[in-house]
Amino acid sequence: MISILMSHWIILMIIFLALLVVFAKKRNNAGYNLIFMNQVISMMASMTIVCYMMYTVSPEVIEYFHSPYLYITNIFVIVGIIRYLQIIFVEVKNRSPTEILMKDRFIQLCIIGWGIAWGFAIN
């Protein structure tokens, strides 16, 4: 089991990730301005990435895991979110986040890669 230190950065990341998923799901619903929704989604994605990066380099997390190498997991978070944005912006697929997670092999590989990198970083 992967243990996670609940710092303020990971809490903020979870909030922004939840907002990203909610806005992405609502993007194509009637009554929403598409340009505005795209900007909000991009902002939430950026904030999610920044908060995760700050989590991996924060002194309390480095001390808790006894590893300064957690930052190597950032690449998997970044490319996973970029792939998610590609699905909703370029491929214009209004699928549920769960369906995207279950069917998109690239996102699945990002999650597996993240887990492996996390394991190496804390050992």
N, C-alpha and C. Protein backbone atom coordinates (compact mmCIF):
# COMPACT_ATOMS: atom_id res chain seq x y z
N MET A 1 0.84 -1.18 0.00
CA MET A 1 0.00 0.00 0.00
C MET A 1 0.89 1.24 0.00
N ILE A 2 0.52 2.21 -0.79
CA ILE A 2 1.27 3.45 -0.89
C ILE A 2 0.75 4.41 0.17
N SER A 3 1.66 4.84 1.05
CA SER A 3 1.23 5.82 2.06
C SER A 3 1.49 7.22 1.53
N ILE A 4 0.60 8.13 1.84
CA ILE A 4 0.68 9.52 1.37
C ILE A 4 0.60 10.44 2.58
N LEU A 5 1.55 11.37 2.66
CA LEU A 5 1.49 12.39 3.69
C LEU A 5 0.48 13.45 3.25
N MET A 6 -0.51 13.72 4.09
CA MET A 6 -1.56 14.67 3.74
C MET A 6 -1.11 16.10 4.05
N SER A 7 -0.29 16.65 3.18
CA SER A 7 0.15 18.03 3.34
C SER A 7 -0.87 18.95 2.68
N HIS A 8 -0.72 20.24 2.89
CA HIS A 8 -1.64 21.20 2.27
C HIS A 8 -1.53 21.13 0.74
N TRP A 9 -0.37 20.76 0.19
CA TRP A 9 -0.22 20.68 -1.27
C TRP A 9 -1.04 19.54 -1.86
N ILE A 10 -1.07 18.40 -1.21
CA ILE A 10 -1.83 17.27 -1.76
C ILE A 10 -3.33 17.52 -1.62
N ILE A 11 -3.72 18.20 -0.56
CA ILE A 11 -5.14 18.54 -0.38
C ILE A 11 -5.58 19.51 -1.48
N LEU A 12 -4.76 20.54 -1.73
CA LEU A 12 -5.08 21.48 -2.82
C LEU A 12 -5.10 20.77 -4.17
N MET A 13 -4.16 19.85 -4.39
CA MET A 13 -4.13 19.12 -5.65
C MET A 13 -5.42 18.31 -5.85
N ILE A 14 -5.88 17.68 -4.80
CA ILE A 14 -7.11 16.88 -4.88
C ILE A 14 -8.30 17.79 -5.20
N ILE A 15 -8.34 18.96 -4.60
CA ILE A 15 -9.43 19.91 -4.87
C ILE A 15 -9.41 20.34 -6.33
N PHE A 16 -8.22 20.73 -6.83
CA PHE A 16 -8.12 21.17 -8.23
C PHE A 16 -8.38 20.04 -9.21
N LEU A 17 -7.94 18.83 -8.88
CA LEU A 17 -8.20 17.68 -9.74
C LEU A 17 -9.70 17.39 -9.80
N ALA A 18 -10.37 17.48 -8.67
CA ALA A 18 -11.82 17.27 -8.64
C ALA A 18 -12.53 18.33 -9.49
N LEU A 19 -12.10 19.58 -9.35
CA LEU A 19 -12.71 20.65 -10.16
C LEU A 19 -12.42 20.44 -11.65
N LEU A 20 -11.24 19.99 -11.98
CA LEU A 20 -10.90 19.69 -13.38
C LEU A 20 -11.85 18.66 -13.96
N VAL A 21 -12.07 17.59 -13.23
CA VAL A 21 -12.95 16.52 -13.70
C VAL A 21 -14.39 17.02 -13.82
N VAL A 22 -14.85 17.80 -12.84
CA VAL A 22 -16.23 18.32 -12.87
C VAL A 22 -16.44 19.24 -14.06
N PHE A 23 -15.52 20.19 -14.26
CA PHE A 23 -15.66 21.12 -15.38
C PHE A 23 -15.53 20.41 -16.72
N ALA A 24 -14.64 19.42 -16.81
CA ALA A 24 -14.50 18.67 -18.05
C ALA A 24 -15.77 17.90 -18.37
N LYS A 25 -16.40 17.36 -17.35
CA LYS A 25 -17.65 16.62 -17.54
C LYS A 25 -18.78 17.56 -17.98
N LYS A 26 -18.82 18.77 -17.44
CA LYS A 26 -19.88 19.73 -17.75
C LYS A 26 -19.61 20.51 -19.03
N ARG A 27 -18.43 20.36 -19.62
CA ARG A 27 -17.98 21.19 -20.75
C ARG A 27 -18.97 21.23 -21.91
N ASN A 28 -19.50 20.12 -22.30
CA ASN A 28 -20.36 20.07 -23.48
C ASN A 28 -21.85 20.16 -23.18
N ASN A 29 -22.18 20.39 -21.93
CA ASN A 29 -23.59 20.54 -21.58
C ASN A 29 -24.13 21.86 -22.12
N ALA A 30 -25.38 21.86 -22.45
CA ALA A 30 -26.02 23.07 -22.97
C ALA A 30 -25.99 24.18 -21.94
N GLY A 31 -25.78 25.39 -22.40
CA GLY A 31 -25.81 26.54 -21.52
C GLY A 31 -24.45 27.01 -21.04
N TYR A 32 -23.40 26.26 -21.32
CA TYR A 32 -22.06 26.66 -20.90
C TYR A 32 -21.29 27.21 -22.09
N ASN A 33 -20.58 28.30 -21.88
CA ASN A 33 -19.75 28.90 -22.91
C ASN A 33 -18.50 28.04 -23.08
N LEU A 34 -18.29 27.50 -24.28
CA LEU A 34 -17.20 26.55 -24.53
C LEU A 34 -15.83 27.19 -24.33
N ILE A 35 -15.65 28.42 -24.77
CA ILE A 35 -14.36 29.10 -24.62
C ILE A 35 -14.04 29.29 -23.13
N PHE A 36 -15.02 29.74 -22.38
CA PHE A 36 -14.82 29.92 -20.94
C PHE A 36 -14.51 28.60 -20.26
N MET A 37 -15.27 27.56 -20.58
CA MET A 37 -15.05 26.25 -19.95
C MET A 37 -13.66 25.71 -20.28
N ASN A 38 -13.21 25.91 -21.51
CA ASN A 38 -11.86 25.46 -21.88
C ASN A 38 -10.80 26.18 -21.06
N GLN A 39 -10.99 27.46 -20.83
CA GLN A 39 -10.03 28.22 -20.02
C GLN A 39 -10.04 27.76 -18.57
N VAL A 40 -11.20 27.52 -18.04
CA VAL A 40 -11.31 27.05 -16.65
C VAL A 40 -10.67 25.67 -16.51
N ILE A 41 -10.93 24.79 -17.46
CA ILE A 41 -10.35 23.45 -17.43
C ILE A 41 -8.82 23.53 -17.51
N SER A 42 -8.31 24.37 -18.38
CA SER A 42 -6.86 24.54 -18.50
C SER A 42 -6.26 25.08 -17.21
N MET A 43 -6.95 26.02 -16.58
CA MET A 43 -6.47 26.58 -15.32
C MET A 43 -6.46 25.52 -14.22
N MET A 44 -7.52 24.71 -14.13
CA MET A 44 -7.57 23.66 -13.11
C MET A 44 -6.48 22.61 -13.35
N ALA A 45 -6.23 22.28 -14.61
CA ALA A 45 -5.16 21.32 -14.94
C ALA A 45 -3.81 21.87 -14.51
N SER A 46 -3.56 23.13 -14.80
CA SER A 46 -2.29 23.77 -14.42
C SER A 46 -2.12 23.78 -12.90
N MET A 47 -3.17 24.14 -12.20
CA MET A 47 -3.09 24.21 -10.74
C MET A 47 -2.89 22.81 -10.14
N THR A 48 -3.50 21.81 -10.72
CA THR A 48 -3.32 20.43 -10.26
C THR A 48 -1.86 20.03 -10.39
N ILE A 49 -1.27 20.31 -11.54
CA ILE A 49 0.13 19.96 -11.79
C ILE A 49 1.05 20.71 -10.83
N VAL A 50 0.84 22.01 -10.69
CA VAL A 50 1.70 22.81 -9.81
C VAL A 50 1.61 22.31 -8.36
N CYS A 51 0.41 22.05 -7.88
CA CYS A 51 0.26 21.59 -6.50
C CYS A 51 0.93 20.23 -6.30
N TYR A 52 0.82 19.33 -7.28
CA TYR A 52 1.48 18.04 -7.15
C TYR A 52 3.00 18.21 -7.14
N MET A 53 3.50 19.08 -8.01
CA MET A 53 4.94 19.33 -8.04
C MET A 53 5.42 19.92 -6.71
N MET A 54 4.67 20.84 -6.16
CA MET A 54 5.04 21.42 -4.87
C MET A 54 5.00 20.37 -3.76
N TYR A 55 4.05 19.45 -3.86
CA TYR A 55 3.99 18.35 -2.90
C TYR A 55 5.26 17.51 -2.94
N THR A 56 5.71 17.17 -4.15
CA THR A 56 6.86 16.27 -4.27
C THR A 56 8.18 16.90 -3.86
N VAL A 57 8.25 18.21 -3.83
CA VAL A 57 9.50 18.87 -3.44
C VAL A 57 9.41 19.57 -2.08
N SER A 58 8.28 19.44 -1.40
CA SER A 58 8.14 20.11 -0.11
C SER A 58 9.00 19.40 0.94
N PRO A 59 9.64 20.16 1.80
CA PRO A 59 10.56 19.59 2.79
C PRO A 59 9.92 18.54 3.70
N GLU A 60 8.67 18.76 4.11
CA GLU A 60 8.04 17.80 5.02
C GLU A 60 7.78 16.46 4.33
N VAL A 61 7.48 16.49 3.04
CA VAL A 61 7.25 15.24 2.30
C VAL A 61 8.58 14.52 2.07
N ILE A 62 9.61 15.26 1.71
CA ILE A 62 10.93 14.67 1.52
C ILE A 62 11.40 14.02 2.82
N GLU A 63 11.18 14.70 3.93
CA GLU A 63 11.57 14.15 5.24
C GLU A 63 10.73 12.93 5.60
N TYR A 64 9.43 13.00 5.35
CA TYR A 64 8.53 11.90 5.70
C TYR A 64 8.90 10.62 4.96
N PHE A 65 9.20 10.74 3.66
CA PHE A 65 9.52 9.57 2.84
C PHE A 65 11.02 9.27 2.80
N HIS A 66 11.82 10.12 3.41
CA HIS A 66 13.28 9.96 3.42
C HIS A 66 13.83 9.84 2.00
N SER A 67 13.27 10.66 1.10
CA SER A 67 13.70 10.60 -0.30
C SER A 67 13.53 11.96 -0.97
N PRO A 68 14.60 12.46 -1.57
CA PRO A 68 14.49 13.71 -2.33
C PRO A 68 14.12 13.45 -3.79
N TYR A 69 13.78 12.21 -4.14
CA TYR A 69 13.57 11.83 -5.54
C TYR A 69 12.11 11.69 -5.96
N LEU A 70 11.19 12.14 -5.14
CA LEU A 70 9.77 12.01 -5.50
C LEU A 70 9.41 12.84 -6.73
N TYR A 71 10.22 13.85 -7.02
CA TYR A 71 9.95 14.70 -8.18
C TYR A 71 9.96 13.91 -9.49
N ILE A 72 10.57 12.73 -9.52
CA ILE A 72 10.58 11.95 -10.76
C ILE A 72 9.18 11.48 -11.15
N THR A 73 8.26 11.48 -10.19
CA THR A 73 6.88 11.07 -10.50
C THR A 73 6.11 12.17 -11.22
N ASN A 74 6.65 13.39 -11.22
CA ASN A 74 5.95 14.53 -11.84
C ASN A 74 5.65 14.29 -13.31
N ILE A 75 6.57 13.68 -14.03
CA ILE A 75 6.40 13.50 -15.47
C ILE A 75 5.14 12.68 -15.78
N PHE A 76 4.85 11.69 -14.97
CA PHE A 76 3.67 10.86 -15.21
C PHE A 76 2.37 11.63 -14.96
N VAL A 77 2.39 12.49 -13.96
CA VAL A 77 1.22 13.33 -13.68
C VAL A 77 1.02 14.33 -14.82
N ILE A 78 2.09 14.93 -15.27
CA ILE A 78 2.01 15.93 -16.34
C ILE A 78 1.48 15.31 -17.62
N VAL A 79 2.10 14.21 -18.07
CA VAL A 79 1.66 13.63 -19.35
C VAL A 79 0.28 12.98 -19.23
N GLY A 80 -0.08 12.49 -18.05
CA GLY A 80 -1.42 11.94 -17.86
C GLY A 80 -2.49 13.02 -17.97
N ILE A 81 -2.24 14.17 -17.38
CA ILE A 81 -3.19 15.28 -17.47
C ILE A 81 -3.23 15.84 -18.89
N ILE A 82 -2.08 15.92 -19.53
CA ILE A 82 -2.07 16.38 -20.93
C ILE A 82 -2.88 15.43 -21.81
N ARG A 83 -2.76 14.13 -21.59
CA ARG A 83 -3.55 13.16 -22.36
C ARG A 83 -5.04 13.35 -22.09
N TYR A 84 -5.40 13.59 -20.83
CA TYR A 84 -6.80 13.83 -20.49
C TYR A 84 -7.33 15.07 -21.22
N LEU A 85 -6.52 16.12 -21.24
CA LEU A 85 -6.92 17.34 -21.96
C LEU A 85 -7.04 17.08 -23.45
N GLN A 86 -6.15 16.26 -23.99
CA GLN A 86 -6.24 15.92 -25.41
C GLN A 86 -7.55 15.20 -25.72
N ILE A 87 -7.94 14.31 -24.85
CA ILE A 87 -9.19 13.58 -25.06
C ILE A 87 -10.38 14.53 -25.07
N ILE A 88 -10.43 15.47 -24.13
CA ILE A 88 -11.61 16.33 -24.06
C ILE A 88 -11.57 17.50 -25.02
N PHE A 89 -10.38 18.01 -25.37
CA PHE A 89 -10.28 19.16 -26.27
C PHE A 89 -10.15 18.76 -27.74
N VAL A 90 -9.26 17.83 -28.04
CA VAL A 90 -8.96 17.48 -29.43
C VAL A 90 -9.89 16.40 -29.95
N GLU A 91 -10.01 15.33 -29.19
CA GLU A 91 -10.87 14.23 -29.63
C GLU A 91 -12.34 14.52 -29.35
N VAL A 92 -12.61 15.53 -28.56
CA VAL A 92 -13.95 16.00 -28.20
C VAL A 92 -14.85 14.83 -27.81
N LYS A 93 -14.35 14.06 -26.89
CA LYS A 93 -15.13 12.94 -26.38
C LYS A 93 -15.70 13.32 -25.03
N ASN A 94 -16.99 13.36 -24.95
CA ASN A 94 -17.67 13.74 -23.71
C ASN A 94 -18.03 12.48 -22.92
N ARG A 95 -17.00 11.69 -22.64
CA ARG A 95 -17.21 10.48 -21.85
C ARG A 95 -17.03 10.80 -20.38
N SER A 96 -17.49 9.90 -19.57
CA SER A 96 -17.30 10.09 -18.13
C SER A 96 -15.83 9.89 -17.80
N PRO A 97 -15.34 10.54 -16.76
CA PRO A 97 -13.94 10.36 -16.35
C PRO A 97 -13.61 8.89 -16.06
N THR A 98 -14.55 8.16 -15.49
CA THR A 98 -14.34 6.75 -15.21
C THR A 98 -14.17 5.96 -16.50
N GLU A 99 -14.98 6.26 -17.50
CA GLU A 99 -14.88 5.57 -18.78
C GLU A 99 -13.53 5.87 -19.45
N ILE A 100 -13.10 7.12 -19.38
CA ILE A 100 -11.80 7.49 -19.95
C ILE A 100 -10.70 6.72 -19.24
N LEU A 101 -10.76 6.66 -17.91
CA LEU A 101 -9.75 5.95 -17.13
C LEU A 101 -9.73 4.46 -17.47
N MET A 102 -10.89 3.89 -17.66
CA MET A 102 -10.97 2.45 -17.92
C MET A 102 -10.60 2.07 -19.36
N LYS A 103 -10.73 2.99 -20.31
CA LYS A 103 -10.52 2.65 -21.72
C LYS A 103 -9.25 3.22 -22.33
N ASP A 104 -8.69 4.27 -21.76
CA ASP A 104 -7.52 4.90 -22.38
C ASP A 104 -6.24 4.24 -21.87
N ARG A 105 -5.57 3.53 -22.77
CA ARG A 105 -4.35 2.80 -22.40
C ARG A 105 -3.22 3.73 -21.98
N PHE A 106 -3.11 4.89 -22.61
CA PHE A 106 -2.02 5.80 -22.28
C PHE A 106 -2.16 6.31 -20.84
N ILE A 107 -3.36 6.69 -20.45
CA ILE A 107 -3.58 7.14 -19.08
C ILE A 107 -3.31 5.99 -18.10
N GLN A 108 -3.72 4.79 -18.46
CA GLN A 108 -3.45 3.64 -17.61
C GLN A 108 -1.95 3.41 -17.44
N LEU A 109 -1.19 3.57 -18.54
CA LEU A 109 0.26 3.43 -18.47
C LEU A 109 0.89 4.53 -17.61
N CYS A 110 0.33 5.72 -17.68
CA CYS A 110 0.82 6.82 -16.83
C CYS A 110 0.62 6.48 -15.35
N ILE A 111 -0.51 5.92 -15.02
CA ILE A 111 -0.79 5.55 -13.63
C ILE A 111 0.16 4.45 -13.17
N ILE A 112 0.36 3.45 -14.01
CA ILE A 112 1.29 2.37 -13.67
C ILE A 112 2.71 2.92 -13.54
N GLY A 113 3.11 3.76 -14.49
CA GLY A 113 4.44 4.37 -14.43
C GLY A 113 4.62 5.21 -13.19
N TRP A 114 3.57 5.95 -12.82
CA TRP A 114 3.63 6.76 -11.60
C TRP A 114 3.85 5.86 -10.39
N GLY A 115 3.11 4.79 -10.31
CA GLY A 115 3.24 3.87 -9.17
C GLY A 115 4.63 3.25 -9.09
N ILE A 116 5.16 2.85 -10.22
CA ILE A 116 6.51 2.27 -10.24
C ILE A 116 7.54 3.32 -9.84
N ALA A 117 7.44 4.52 -10.41
CA ALA A 117 8.38 5.60 -10.07
C ALA A 117 8.28 5.96 -8.59
N TRP A 118 7.07 6.00 -8.05
CA TRP A 118 6.88 6.30 -6.63
C TRP A 118 7.57 5.23 -5.78
N GLY A 119 7.37 3.97 -6.17
CA GLY A 119 8.01 2.88 -5.44
C GLY A 119 9.52 2.98 -5.44
N PHE A 120 10.10 3.28 -6.60
CA PHE A 120 11.55 3.45 -6.68
C PHE A 120 12.02 4.66 -5.88
N ALA A 121 11.24 5.73 -5.91
CA ALA A 121 11.65 6.96 -5.24
C ALA A 121 11.68 6.82 -3.71
N ILE A 122 10.79 6.03 -3.16
CA ILE A 122 10.74 5.92 -1.70
C ILE A 122 11.54 4.76 -1.16
N ASN A 123 12.13 3.96 -2.02
CA ASN A 123 12.96 2.84 -1.55
C ASN A 123 14.41 3.16 -1.62
